[in-house]
Protein backbone atom coordinates (compact mmCIF):
# COMPACT_ATOMS: atom_id res chain seq x y z
CA MET A 1 -5.40 -13.91 21.47
CA THR A 2 -6.70 -10.28 21.16
CA ALA A 3 -9.74 -9.95 18.83
CA ILE A 4 -9.75 -8.13 15.61
CA ARG A 5 -11.40 -4.94 16.04
CA LEU A 6 -13.69 -4.22 13.04
CA LEU A 7 -15.57 -1.54 11.76
CA LEU A 8 -18.51 -1.95 9.26
CA VAL A 9 -19.28 0.91 6.72
CA ASP A 10 -22.25 0.47 4.32
CA ASP A 11 -25.45 2.62 3.60
CA ASP A 12 -27.59 -0.56 3.42
CA PRO A 13 -28.67 -1.58 6.98
CA LEU A 14 -29.26 -5.04 5.57
CA VAL A 15 -25.77 -5.62 4.47
CA ARG A 16 -24.28 -4.21 7.77
CA ALA A 17 -26.62 -6.51 9.71
CA GLY A 18 -25.51 -9.50 7.44
CA LEU A 19 -22.00 -8.70 7.80
CA SER A 20 -22.25 -8.06 11.58
CA PHE A 21 -23.98 -11.60 11.80
CA MET A 22 -21.52 -13.34 9.69
CA LEU A 23 -18.34 -11.83 11.14
CA GLY A 24 -19.30 -11.23 14.75
CA GLY A 25 -19.93 -14.67 15.42
CA ALA A 26 -16.03 -15.44 14.72
CA GLY A 27 -14.19 -15.68 18.03
CA ASP A 28 -11.34 -13.55 16.89
CA VAL A 29 -13.37 -10.73 15.54
CA GLU A 30 -15.28 -7.79 17.47
CA ILE A 31 -17.53 -5.64 15.63
CA VAL A 32 -16.72 -2.27 17.25
CA GLY A 33 -19.10 -0.07 15.29
CA GLU A 34 -21.16 0.51 12.28
CA ALA A 35 -21.48 3.50 9.96
CA ALA A 36 -24.00 4.41 7.18
CA ASP A 37 -21.86 6.79 5.22
CA GLY A 38 -18.25 7.66 4.90
CA HIS A 39 -18.69 11.10 6.75
CA GLU A 40 -19.39 9.08 9.95
CA VAL A 41 -15.94 7.29 9.65
CA GLY A 42 -13.44 9.59 11.08
CA ALA A 43 -15.30 10.01 14.31
CA LEU A 44 -16.17 6.41 14.62
CA VAL A 45 -12.43 5.44 14.14
CA ASP A 46 -11.27 7.97 16.87
CA ARG A 47 -14.01 6.44 19.22
CA THR A 48 -13.54 2.71 18.55
CA ARG A 49 -10.06 2.40 17.27
CA PRO A 50 -10.68 -0.55 15.00
CA ASP A 51 -7.78 -2.41 13.43
CA VAL A 52 -9.70 -2.96 10.07
CA VAL A 53 -12.43 -0.98 8.42
CA LEU A 54 -14.74 -3.02 5.83
CA MET A 55 -15.73 -0.04 3.47
CA ASP A 56 -18.63 0.04 0.98
CA ILE A 57 -17.39 1.89 -2.16
CA ARG A 58 -20.59 3.70 -3.10
CA MET A 59 -22.42 5.67 -0.56
CA PRO A 60 -24.56 8.82 -0.87
CA VAL A 61 -22.91 11.63 0.93
CA VAL A 62 -19.16 10.80 1.39
CA ASP A 63 -18.15 7.65 -0.80
CA GLY A 64 -16.01 5.05 0.33
CA LEU A 65 -13.08 6.29 -1.90
CA THR A 66 -12.99 9.54 -0.11
CA ALA A 67 -13.38 8.12 3.29
CA THR A 68 -10.33 5.73 2.57
CA GLU A 69 -8.27 8.49 1.42
CA ARG A 70 -9.03 10.61 4.42
CA LEU A 71 -8.23 7.48 6.87
CA ARG A 72 -5.19 6.37 5.13
CA GLY A 73 -3.65 9.94 5.54
CA ARG A 74 -3.96 9.66 8.95
CA ALA A 75 -1.21 8.45 11.47
CA ASP A 76 -1.89 5.11 12.81
CA ALA A 77 -4.63 4.59 10.22
CA PRO A 78 -6.63 1.31 10.36
CA GLN A 79 -6.42 -1.24 7.40
CA VAL A 80 -9.20 -0.81 4.97
CA ILE A 81 -10.77 -3.39 2.83
CA VAL A 82 -13.03 -2.06 0.19
CA LEU A 83 -16.36 -3.74 -0.30
CA THR A 84 -17.77 -3.61 -3.82
CA THR A 85 -20.13 -5.47 -6.20
CA PHE A 86 -17.87 -5.11 -9.29
CA HIS A 87 -14.75 -7.12 -10.01
CA ALA A 88 -12.83 -4.25 -12.05
CA ASP A 89 -13.84 -0.76 -11.16
CA GLU A 90 -12.06 2.51 -11.28
CA GLN A 91 -13.05 3.60 -7.85
CA VAL A 92 -11.80 0.22 -6.45
CA LEU A 93 -8.39 0.91 -8.15
CA ARG A 94 -8.32 4.53 -6.84
CA ALA A 95 -9.14 3.24 -3.30
CA LEU A 96 -6.25 0.81 -3.57
CA ARG A 97 -3.96 3.43 -4.92
CA ALA A 98 -5.09 5.32 -1.90
CA GLY A 99 -3.90 2.74 0.50
CA ALA A 100 -6.82 0.10 0.93
CA ALA A 101 -5.23 -3.31 1.71
CA GLY A 102 -7.50 -4.96 -0.90
CA PHE A 103 -11.12 -5.57 -1.81
CA VAL A 104 -13.95 -8.09 -1.52
CA LEU A 105 -17.31 -8.73 -3.57
CA LYS A 106 -20.57 -8.28 -1.66
CA ASP A 107 -21.40 -11.77 -2.89
CA THR A 108 -18.21 -13.26 -1.58
CA PRO A 109 -18.77 -16.25 0.75
CA PRO A 110 -18.69 -15.39 4.36
CA ALA A 111 -15.78 -17.35 5.14
CA GLU A 112 -13.70 -15.78 2.49
CA ILE A 113 -14.56 -12.27 3.73
CA LEU A 114 -13.66 -13.29 7.28
CA ASP A 115 -10.30 -14.68 5.95
CA ALA A 116 -9.64 -11.35 4.17
CA VAL A 117 -10.22 -9.43 7.43
CA ARG A 118 -7.81 -11.90 9.31
CA ARG A 119 -5.30 -11.59 6.66
CA VAL A 120 -5.21 -7.74 6.32
CA ALA A 121 -5.12 -7.50 10.27
CA ALA A 122 -1.90 -9.58 10.05
CA GLY A 123 -0.71 -7.29 7.35
CA ASP A 124 -1.09 -9.35 4.24
CA PRO A 125 -2.86 -7.86 1.12
CA VAL A 126 -5.87 -9.52 -0.23
CA LEU A 127 -5.24 -8.85 -3.84
CA SER A 128 -3.97 -11.42 -6.11
CA PRO A 129 -1.51 -10.69 -9.04
CA ALA A 130 -4.42 -11.81 -11.27
CA VAL A 131 -6.84 -9.39 -9.80
CA THR A 132 -4.30 -6.49 -10.08
CA ARG A 133 -3.82 -7.17 -13.79
CA ARG A 134 -7.60 -6.99 -14.35
CA LEU A 135 -7.81 -3.74 -12.57
CA MET A 136 -4.80 -2.26 -14.44
CA GLU A 137 -6.39 -3.43 -17.76
CA HIS A 138 -9.71 -1.93 -16.74
CA ALA A 139 -8.09 1.54 -15.99
CA ALA A 140 -5.75 1.52 -19.17
CA GLY A 141 -6.46 4.28 -21.30
CA SER A 142 -5.49 7.76 -22.26
CA ALA A 143 -3.66 8.53 -19.12
CA ALA A 144 -1.67 5.21 -19.34
CA ASP A 145 1.24 6.74 -20.77
CA THR A 146 1.46 9.74 -18.43
CA ARG A 147 0.85 7.04 -15.45
CA ARG A 148 3.67 4.79 -16.72
CA THR A 149 6.11 7.83 -16.73
CA ARG A 150 5.35 9.02 -13.44
CA ALA A 151 5.82 5.35 -12.08
CA ARG A 152 8.98 4.91 -13.53
CA THR A 153 10.31 8.23 -12.11
CA ARG A 154 9.38 7.18 -8.85
CA VAL A 155 10.81 3.59 -9.19
CA ALA A 156 14.04 5.30 -10.15
CA ALA A 157 14.46 6.19 -6.46
CA LEU A 158 15.17 2.59 -5.65
CA ASN A 159 18.59 0.89 -5.60
CA ASP A 160 18.89 -2.39 -7.88
CA ARG A 161 18.21 -4.76 -5.00
CA GLU A 162 15.18 -2.87 -3.81
CA ARG A 163 13.77 -2.78 -7.41
CA GLU A 164 14.08 -6.51 -7.38
CA VAL A 165 12.13 -6.89 -4.25
CA ALA A 166 9.60 -4.41 -5.55
CA VAL A 167 9.17 -6.56 -8.84
CA ALA A 168 8.93 -9.75 -6.65
CA VAL A 169 6.10 -8.05 -4.37
CA GLY A 170 4.26 -7.21 -7.69
CA ARG A 171 4.38 -10.77 -8.73
CA GLY A 172 2.56 -11.57 -5.43
CA LEU A 173 5.44 -13.36 -3.79
CA ALA A 174 5.43 -13.77 0.05
CA ASN A 175 8.59 -12.78 2.06
CA ALA A 176 9.95 -16.23 2.36
CA ALA A 177 9.51 -16.63 -1.53
CA ILE A 178 11.23 -13.48 -2.33
CA ALA A 179 13.93 -14.44 0.20
CA SER A 180 14.54 -18.09 -1.56
CA GLU A 181 14.51 -16.69 -4.90
CA LEU A 182 16.79 -13.59 -4.45
CA PHE A 183 19.18 -15.41 -1.95
CA MET A 184 18.65 -13.45 0.97
CA SER A 185 17.14 -13.72 4.70
CA VAL A 186 13.60 -13.15 5.27
CA ALA A 187 14.63 -10.30 7.74
CA THR A 188 16.47 -8.65 4.83
CA VAL A 189 13.56 -8.91 2.53
CA LYS A 190 11.27 -7.26 5.18
CA THR A 191 13.99 -4.67 5.68
CA HIS A 192 14.11 -4.11 1.95
CA VAL A 193 10.25 -3.90 1.91
CA SER A 194 10.27 -1.39 4.56
CA ARG A 195 12.83 0.82 2.73
CA ILE A 196 10.67 0.56 -0.48
CA LEU A 197 7.51 1.84 1.46
CA ALA A 198 9.43 4.70 2.93
CA LYS A 199 11.13 5.67 -0.23
CA LEU A 200 8.17 5.63 -2.58
CA ASP A 201 5.49 7.05 0.35
CA LEU A 202 3.53 4.18 0.18
CA ASN A 203 1.27 2.55 2.89
CA ASN A 204 1.48 -1.18 1.77
CA ARG A 205 2.39 -4.05 -0.45
CA VAL A 206 -0.88 -3.53 -2.71
CA GLN A 207 0.53 -0.06 -3.63
CA VAL A 208 3.95 -1.30 -4.43
CA ALA A 209 2.48 -4.05 -6.71
CA LEU A 210 0.15 -1.49 -8.43
CA LEU A 211 3.34 1.04 -9.02
CA VAL A 212 5.30 -1.75 -10.44
CA TYR A 213 2.52 -2.59 -12.99
CA ASP A 214 2.07 1.16 -13.77
CA ALA A 215 5.93 1.48 -14.37
CA GLY A 216 5.60 -1.62 -16.79
CA LEU A 217 8.14 -3.79 -15.03
CA LEU A 218 5.80 -6.91 -15.32
CA ASP A 219 4.40 -8.59 -18.31
CA ASP A 220 0.96 -10.01 -18.89
CA GLU A 221 1.77 -13.15 -16.86
CA GLY A 222 3.04 -11.33 -13.82
CA GLU A 223 6.49 -11.98 -14.43
CA ALA A 224 9.58 -9.52 -14.64
CA GLY A 225 9.21 -7.60 -17.81
CA ALA A 226 11.67 -6.31 -20.32
CA GLY A 227 12.02 -3.06 -18.31
CA HIS A 228 13.16 -4.93 -15.41
């Protein structure tokens, strides 16, 4: 099995050393490079071709948000996991909207960070519906109405079936569960998800989930809301 190529980005050398020690010891992970600031990331990605970037959100020159936005705007961009000290933070939410596949806290046990890297490399987001709700609640405020209007306008581009699949993605369901619930094959679900991503110009399922929450299509329990 090909090892997951991982790039570490954090301005604290002790954090980088700890992550390298913890994650580099796994047989299926190869640490291909380290960066101390976001401005180094583009050149390092070109040189090392990582599958996943573990990105600190707060750095002194170019922060993790800006670096994530730049990376995810590139063709064949690596997956990004945001590394943070905060459970709910506006910068984390912005990084997720920019295309990060999830986030982990710096005090997360090593085994869970490793699991997150493996899941993201396999194409699975590392963001539960409960965490999504906390982030959305944290970001709620004066811009909420504008955000909802914009989100609903974008969701309107989907047909009824795609909308159902998008809501199921927002609820955190895997493809097999969506297939069972909506009485379709897993292959058909995958096709719908691909079309949703293309129509909405999104990178991953996390962004679909955030858009569904923005549009008000889920209630506080993560179920389909009245707008569905």
